[in-house]
């Protein structure tokens, strides 16, 4: 039971770091182009190594936090995008023994999927008027590269923590 709280606390800490420290690390010229979603990367890890419903619930919860705190234009866009893409990545790539290559593919596809869904929703409601190709080259790919580097940096410790969580779950649920 404690490990579930550890994962949630880790996500909340990453949420705070994402809003306070990460903008200081990004050069000024890239501030509007790179919007790293560190929390989303951890949600993808949880969806693949644990269960897709974990990815859905964490995506909905922390996506709503992103909507309220960072992006107040429309509430629910990031919640929907993180939840649905986390669920889909967990559904398609679910494997407790996924290698680092598979996980990095999940991060790349999931990042592009989530940012594309946000772009699509904002385009439908005429918040973005840019063409998709411009958004892909200018925003989505640079953000995906930052998320990929972050995923490579946290792969080993995060995978070990999630594996410990999954191994202990049946003992805790039966007790």
C-alpha atoms as a PDB file:
ATOM      1  CA  UNK A   1       0.000   0.000   0.000  1.00  0.00           C
ATOM      2  CA  UNK A   2       2.851   2.387   0.803  1.00  0.00           C
ATOM      3  CA  UNK A   3       4.375   1.979  -2.655  1.00  0.00           C
ATOM      4  CA  UNK A   4       1.225   3.356  -4.312  1.00  0.00           C
ATOM      5  CA  UNK A   5       1.614   6.482  -2.257  1.00  0.00           C
ATOM      6  CA  UNK A   6       5.283   6.668  -3.182  1.00  0.00           C
ATOM      7  CA  UNK A   7       4.392   6.683  -6.889  1.00  0.00           C
ATOM      8  CA  UNK A   8       1.750   9.364  -6.355  1.00  0.00           C
ATOM      9  CA  UNK A   9       4.166  11.461  -4.290  1.00  0.00           C
ATOM     10  CA  UNK A  10       6.810  11.060  -7.001  1.00  0.00           C
ATOM     11  CA  UNK A  11       4.336  12.278  -9.609  1.00  0.00           C
ATOM     12  CA  UNK A  12       3.328  15.225  -7.456  1.00  0.00           C
ATOM     13  CA  UNK A  13       7.000  16.119  -6.873  1.00  0.00           C
ATOM     14  CA  UNK A  14       7.665  15.914 -10.628  1.00  0.00           C
ATOM     15  CA  UNK A  15       4.613  18.116 -11.182  1.00  0.00           C
ATOM     16  CA  UNK A  16       6.124  20.768  -8.911  1.00  0.00           C
ATOM     17  CA  UNK A  17       9.580  20.420 -10.525  1.00  0.00           C
ATOM     18  CA  UNK A  18       7.974  20.658 -13.964  1.00  0.00           C
ATOM     19  CA  UNK A  19       6.450  24.006 -13.086  1.00  0.00           C
ATOM     20  CA  UNK A  20       9.298  25.553 -11.093  1.00  0.00           C
ATOM     21  CA  UNK A  21      12.765  24.209 -11.951  1.00  0.00           C
ATOM     22  CA  UNK A  22      12.405  22.954 -15.528  1.00  0.00           C
ATOM     23  CA  UNK A  23      11.492  26.387 -16.981  1.00  0.00           C
ATOM     24  CA  UNK A  24      14.739  27.736 -15.522  1.00  0.00           C
ATOM     25  CA  UNK A  25      16.736  25.038 -17.323  1.00  0.00           C
ATOM     26  CA  UNK A  26      15.230  25.692 -20.748  1.00  0.00           C
ATOM     27  CA  UNK A  27      16.919  28.509 -22.717  1.00  0.00           C
ATOM     28  CA  UNK A  28      14.817  31.639 -23.197  1.00  0.00           C
ATOM     29  CA  UNK A  29      14.497  31.229 -26.960  1.00  0.00           C
ATOM     30  CA  UNK A  30      13.079  27.728 -26.485  1.00  0.00           C
ATOM     31  CA  UNK A  31      10.620  28.579 -23.678  1.00  0.00           C
ATOM     32  CA  UNK A  32       7.626  28.692 -26.011  1.00  0.00           C
ATOM     33  CA  UNK A  33       8.683  25.655 -28.048  1.00  0.00           C
ATOM     34  CA  UNK A  34       9.543  23.060 -25.406  1.00  0.00           C
ATOM     35  CA  UNK A  35       6.888  22.081 -22.888  1.00  0.00           C
ATOM     36  CA  UNK A  36       8.204  18.950 -21.172  1.00  0.00           C
ATOM     37  CA  UNK A  37       5.630  16.737 -19.482  1.00  0.00           C
ATOM     38  CA  UNK A  38       7.787  14.842 -16.994  1.00  0.00           C
ATOM     39  CA  UNK A  39       4.740  13.563 -15.130  1.00  0.00           C
ATOM     40  CA  UNK A  40       3.385  12.068 -18.335  1.00  0.00           C
ATOM     41  CA  UNK A  41       6.589  10.070 -18.886  1.00  0.00           C
ATOM     42  CA  UNK A  42       6.214   8.454 -15.448  1.00  0.00           C
ATOM     43  CA  UNK A  43       2.530   7.780 -16.200  1.00  0.00           C
ATOM     44  CA  UNK A  44       3.615   5.924 -19.347  1.00  0.00           C
ATOM     45  CA  UNK A  45       6.031   3.821 -17.306  1.00  0.00           C
ATOM     46  CA  UNK A  46       3.239   2.964 -14.857  1.00  0.00           C
ATOM     47  CA  UNK A  47       0.860   2.100 -17.699  1.00  0.00           C
ATOM     48  CA  UNK A  48       3.323  -0.249 -19.393  1.00  0.00           C
ATOM     49  CA  UNK A  49       4.939  -1.925 -16.385  1.00  0.00           C
ATOM     50  CA  UNK A  50       1.934  -1.983 -14.065  1.00  0.00           C
ATOM     51  CA  UNK A  51      -1.501  -1.734 -15.683  1.00  0.00           C
ATOM     52  CA  UNK A  52      -3.311   0.390 -18.250  1.00  0.00           C
ATOM     53  CA  UNK A  53      -5.939   1.445 -15.712  1.00  0.00           C
ATOM     54  CA  UNK A  54      -3.205   2.940 -13.553  1.00  0.00           C
ATOM     55  CA  UNK A  55      -2.124   4.970 -16.587  1.00  0.00           C
ATOM     56  CA  UNK A  56      -5.710   6.054 -17.182  1.00  0.00           C
ATOM     57  CA  UNK A  57      -6.364   7.129 -13.591  1.00  0.00           C
ATOM     58  CA  UNK A  58      -3.027   8.873 -13.111  1.00  0.00           C
ATOM     59  CA  UNK A  59      -3.382  10.529 -16.517  1.00  0.00           C
ATOM     60  CA  UNK A  60      -6.846  11.842 -15.672  1.00  0.00           C
ATOM     61  CA  UNK A  61      -5.802  13.106 -12.240  1.00  0.00           C
ATOM     62  CA  UNK A  62      -2.510  14.740 -13.147  1.00  0.00           C
ATOM     63  CA  UNK A  63      -3.845  15.939 -16.486  1.00  0.00           C
ATOM     64  CA  UNK A  64      -6.552  17.801 -14.595  1.00  0.00           C
ATOM     65  CA  UNK A  65      -3.848  19.331 -12.399  1.00  0.00           C
ATOM     66  CA  UNK A  66      -2.044  20.460 -15.557  1.00  0.00           C
ATOM     67  CA  UNK A  67      -5.280  21.923 -16.903  1.00  0.00           C
ATOM     68  CA  UNK A  68      -6.032  23.892 -13.772  1.00  0.00           C
ATOM     69  CA  UNK A  69      -2.528  25.059 -12.858  1.00  0.00           C
ATOM     70  CA  UNK A  70      -0.751  25.557 -16.194  1.00  0.00           C
ATOM     71  CA  UNK A  71      -3.226  25.664 -19.063  1.00  0.00           C
ATOM     72  CA  UNK A  72      -6.420  27.481 -18.132  1.00  0.00           C
ATOM     73  CA  UNK A  73      -7.719  28.008 -21.669  1.00  0.00           C
ATOM     74  CA  UNK A  74      -9.885  24.888 -21.578  1.00  0.00           C
ATOM     75  CA  UNK A  75     -10.262  22.585 -18.611  1.00  0.00           C
ATOM     76  CA  UNK A  76     -10.080  18.892 -19.405  1.00  0.00           C
ATOM     77  CA  UNK A  77      -7.916  18.867 -22.522  1.00  0.00           C
ATOM     78  CA  UNK A  78      -4.759  17.596 -20.846  1.00  0.00           C
ATOM     79  CA  UNK A  79      -6.761  15.354 -18.540  1.00  0.00           C
ATOM     80  CA  UNK A  80      -8.430  13.687 -21.508  1.00  0.00           C
ATOM     81  CA  UNK A  81      -5.217  13.511 -23.547  1.00  0.00           C
ATOM     82  CA  UNK A  82      -3.002  12.139 -20.782  1.00  0.00           C
ATOM     83  CA  UNK A  83      -5.619   9.677 -19.605  1.00  0.00           C
ATOM     84  CA  UNK A  84      -6.529   8.315 -23.029  1.00  0.00           C
ATOM     85  CA  UNK A  85      -2.981   8.133 -24.370  1.00  0.00           C
ATOM     86  CA  UNK A  86      -1.708   6.565 -21.128  1.00  0.00           C
ATOM     87  CA  UNK A  87      -4.459   3.960 -21.359  1.00  0.00           C
ATOM     88  CA  UNK A  88      -3.755   3.250 -25.041  1.00  0.00           C
ATOM     89  CA  UNK A  89      -0.001   2.914 -24.511  1.00  0.00           C
ATOM     90  CA  UNK A  90      -0.634   0.548 -21.599  1.00  0.00           C
ATOM     91  CA  UNK A  91      -3.091  -1.444 -23.699  1.00  0.00           C
ATOM     92  CA  UNK A  92      -0.826  -1.776 -26.721  1.00  0.00           C
ATOM     93  CA  UNK A  93       2.575  -2.213 -25.065  1.00  0.00           C
ATOM     94  CA  UNK A  94       1.727  -3.860 -21.739  1.00  0.00           C
ATOM     95  CA  UNK A  95       4.639  -6.021 -20.672  1.00  0.00           C
ATOM     96  CA  UNK A  96       6.274  -6.277 -17.307  1.00  0.00           C
ATOM     97  CA  UNK A  97       9.456  -7.279 -19.092  1.00  0.00           C
ATOM     98  CA  UNK A  98       9.567  -4.550 -21.736  1.00  0.00           C
ATOM     99  CA  UNK A  99      13.099  -3.597 -22.670  1.00  0.00           C
ATOM    100  CA  UNK A 100      14.514  -0.106 -22.697  1.00  0.00           C
ATOM    101  CA  UNK A 101      14.043   0.071 -26.479  1.00  0.00           C
ATOM    102  CA  UNK A 102      10.344  -0.769 -26.207  1.00  0.00           C
ATOM    103  CA  UNK A 103       9.885   1.757 -23.410  1.00  0.00           C
ATOM    104  CA  UNK A 104      11.576   4.506 -25.407  1.00  0.00           C
ATOM    105  CA  UNK A 105       9.301   3.693 -28.369  1.00  0.00           C
ATOM    106  CA  UNK A 106       6.346   3.988 -25.983  1.00  0.00           C
ATOM    107  CA  UNK A 107       7.591   7.393 -24.798  1.00  0.00           C
ATOM    108  CA  UNK A 108       8.040   8.633 -28.374  1.00  0.00           C
ATOM    109  CA  UNK A 109       4.656   7.393 -29.608  1.00  0.00           C
ATOM    110  CA  UNK A 110       2.861   8.424 -26.421  1.00  0.00           C
ATOM    111  CA  UNK A 111       4.371  11.911 -26.450  1.00  0.00           C
ATOM    112  CA  UNK A 112       3.446  12.498 -30.076  1.00  0.00           C
ATOM    113  CA  UNK A 113      -0.036  11.056 -29.493  1.00  0.00           C
ATOM    114  CA  UNK A 114      -0.756  13.208 -26.442  1.00  0.00           C
ATOM    115  CA  UNK A 115       0.533  16.440 -27.972  1.00  0.00           C
ATOM    116  CA  UNK A 116      -1.315  15.687 -31.221  1.00  0.00           C
ATOM    117  CA  UNK A 117      -4.565  15.167 -29.316  1.00  0.00           C
ATOM    118  CA  UNK A 118      -4.074  18.473 -27.491  1.00  0.00           C
ATOM    119  CA  UNK A 119      -3.349  20.168 -30.811  1.00  0.00           C
ATOM    120  CA  UNK A 120      -6.426  18.570 -32.398  1.00  0.00           C
ATOM    121  CA  UNK A 121      -8.750  19.638 -29.592  1.00  0.00           C
ATOM    122  CA  UNK A 122      -7.375  23.171 -29.587  1.00  0.00           C
ATOM    123  CA  UNK A 123      -7.704  23.303 -33.388  1.00  0.00           C
ATOM    124  CA  UNK A 124     -11.326  22.156 -33.283  1.00  0.00           C
ATOM    125  CA  UNK A 125     -12.174  24.983 -30.893  1.00  0.00           C
ATOM    126  CA  UNK A 126     -10.073  27.474 -32.896  1.00  0.00           C
ATOM    127  CA  UNK A 127      -7.563  28.139 -30.114  1.00  0.00           C
ATOM    128  CA  UNK A 128      -4.709  27.104 -32.427  1.00  0.00           C
ATOM    129  CA  UNK A 129      -4.822  28.251 -36.017  1.00  0.00           C
ATOM    130  CA  UNK A 130      -1.426  26.868 -37.010  1.00  0.00           C
ATOM    131  CA  UNK A 131      -1.109  23.944 -39.437  1.00  0.00           C
ATOM    132  CA  UNK A 132      -0.271  20.582 -37.891  1.00  0.00           C
ATOM    133  CA  UNK A 133       3.056  20.271 -39.732  1.00  0.00           C
ATOM    134  CA  UNK A 134       4.271  23.529 -38.186  1.00  0.00           C
ATOM    135  CA  UNK A 135       3.179  22.429 -34.706  1.00  0.00           C
ATOM    136  CA  UNK A 136       4.837  19.049 -35.219  1.00  0.00           C
ATOM    137  CA  UNK A 137       8.185  20.539 -36.183  1.00  0.00           C
ATOM    138  CA  UNK A 138       8.087  23.549 -33.874  1.00  0.00           C
ATOM    139  CA  UNK A 139       6.557  22.142 -30.669  1.00  0.00           C
ATOM    140  CA  UNK A 140       5.801  18.436 -30.656  1.00  0.00           C
ATOM    141  CA  UNK A 141       9.149  16.988 -31.789  1.00  0.00           C
ATOM    142  CA  UNK A 142      11.364  19.195 -29.542  1.00  0.00           C
ATOM    143  CA  UNK A 143       9.148  18.375 -26.562  1.00  0.00           C
ATOM    144  CA  UNK A 144       9.289  14.679 -27.447  1.00  0.00           C
ATOM    145  CA  UNK A 145      13.097  14.760 -27.533  1.00  0.00           C
ATOM    146  CA  UNK A 146      13.261  16.303 -24.045  1.00  0.00           C
ATOM    147  CA  UNK A 147      10.830  13.693 -22.742  1.00  0.00           C
ATOM    148  CA  UNK A 148      12.872  10.918 -24.355  1.00  0.00           C
ATOM    149  CA  UNK A 149      16.068  12.146 -22.661  1.00  0.00           C
ATOM    150  CA  UNK A 150      14.224  12.317 -19.327  1.00  0.00           C
ATOM    151  CA  UNK A 151      12.874   8.779 -19.841  1.00  0.00           C
ATOM    152  CA  UNK A 152      16.385   7.489 -20.531  1.00  0.00           C
ATOM    153  CA  UNK A 153      17.653   9.160 -17.356  1.00  0.00           C
ATOM    154  CA  UNK A 154      15.003   7.663 -15.070  1.00  0.00           C
ATOM    155  CA  UNK A 155      14.525   4.277 -16.752  1.00  0.00           C
ATOM    156  CA  UNK A 156      16.417   2.022 -14.341  1.00  0.00           C
ATOM    157  CA  UNK A 157      15.339   3.462 -10.958  1.00  0.00           C
ATOM    158  CA  UNK A 158      11.728   3.954 -11.972  1.00  0.00           C
ATOM    159  CA  UNK A 159      11.404   0.493 -13.481  1.00  0.00           C
ATOM    160  CA  UNK A 160      12.783  -1.057 -10.290  1.00  0.00           C
ATOM    161  CA  UNK A 161      10.302   0.875  -8.143  1.00  0.00           C
ATOM    162  CA  UNK A 162       7.343  -0.091 -10.305  1.00  0.00           C
ATOM    163  CA  UNK A 163       8.449  -3.739 -10.353  1.00  0.00           C
ATOM    164  CA  UNK A 164       8.590  -3.719  -6.538  1.00  0.00           C
ATOM    165  CA  UNK A 165       5.109  -2.217  -6.474  1.00  0.00           C
ATOM    166  CA  UNK A 166       3.733  -4.892  -8.798  1.00  0.00           C
ATOM    167  CA  UNK A 167       5.424  -7.762  -6.917  1.00  0.00           C
ATOM    168  CA  UNK A 168       4.067  -6.657  -3.545  1.00  0.00           C
ATOM    169  CA  UNK A 169       0.550  -5.887  -4.695  1.00  0.00           C
ATOM    170  CA  UNK A 170      -0.939  -9.411  -4.424  1.00  0.00           C
ATOM    171  CA  UNK A 171       0.421  -9.811  -0.870  1.00  0.00           C
ATOM    172  CA  UNK A 172      -1.033  -6.477   0.208  1.00  0.00           C
ATOM    173  CA  UNK A 173      -4.405  -7.048  -1.438  1.00  0.00           C
ATOM    174  CA  UNK A 174      -4.894 -10.475   0.147  1.00  0.00           C
ATOM    175  CA  UNK A 175      -3.838  -9.312   3.620  1.00  0.00           C
END
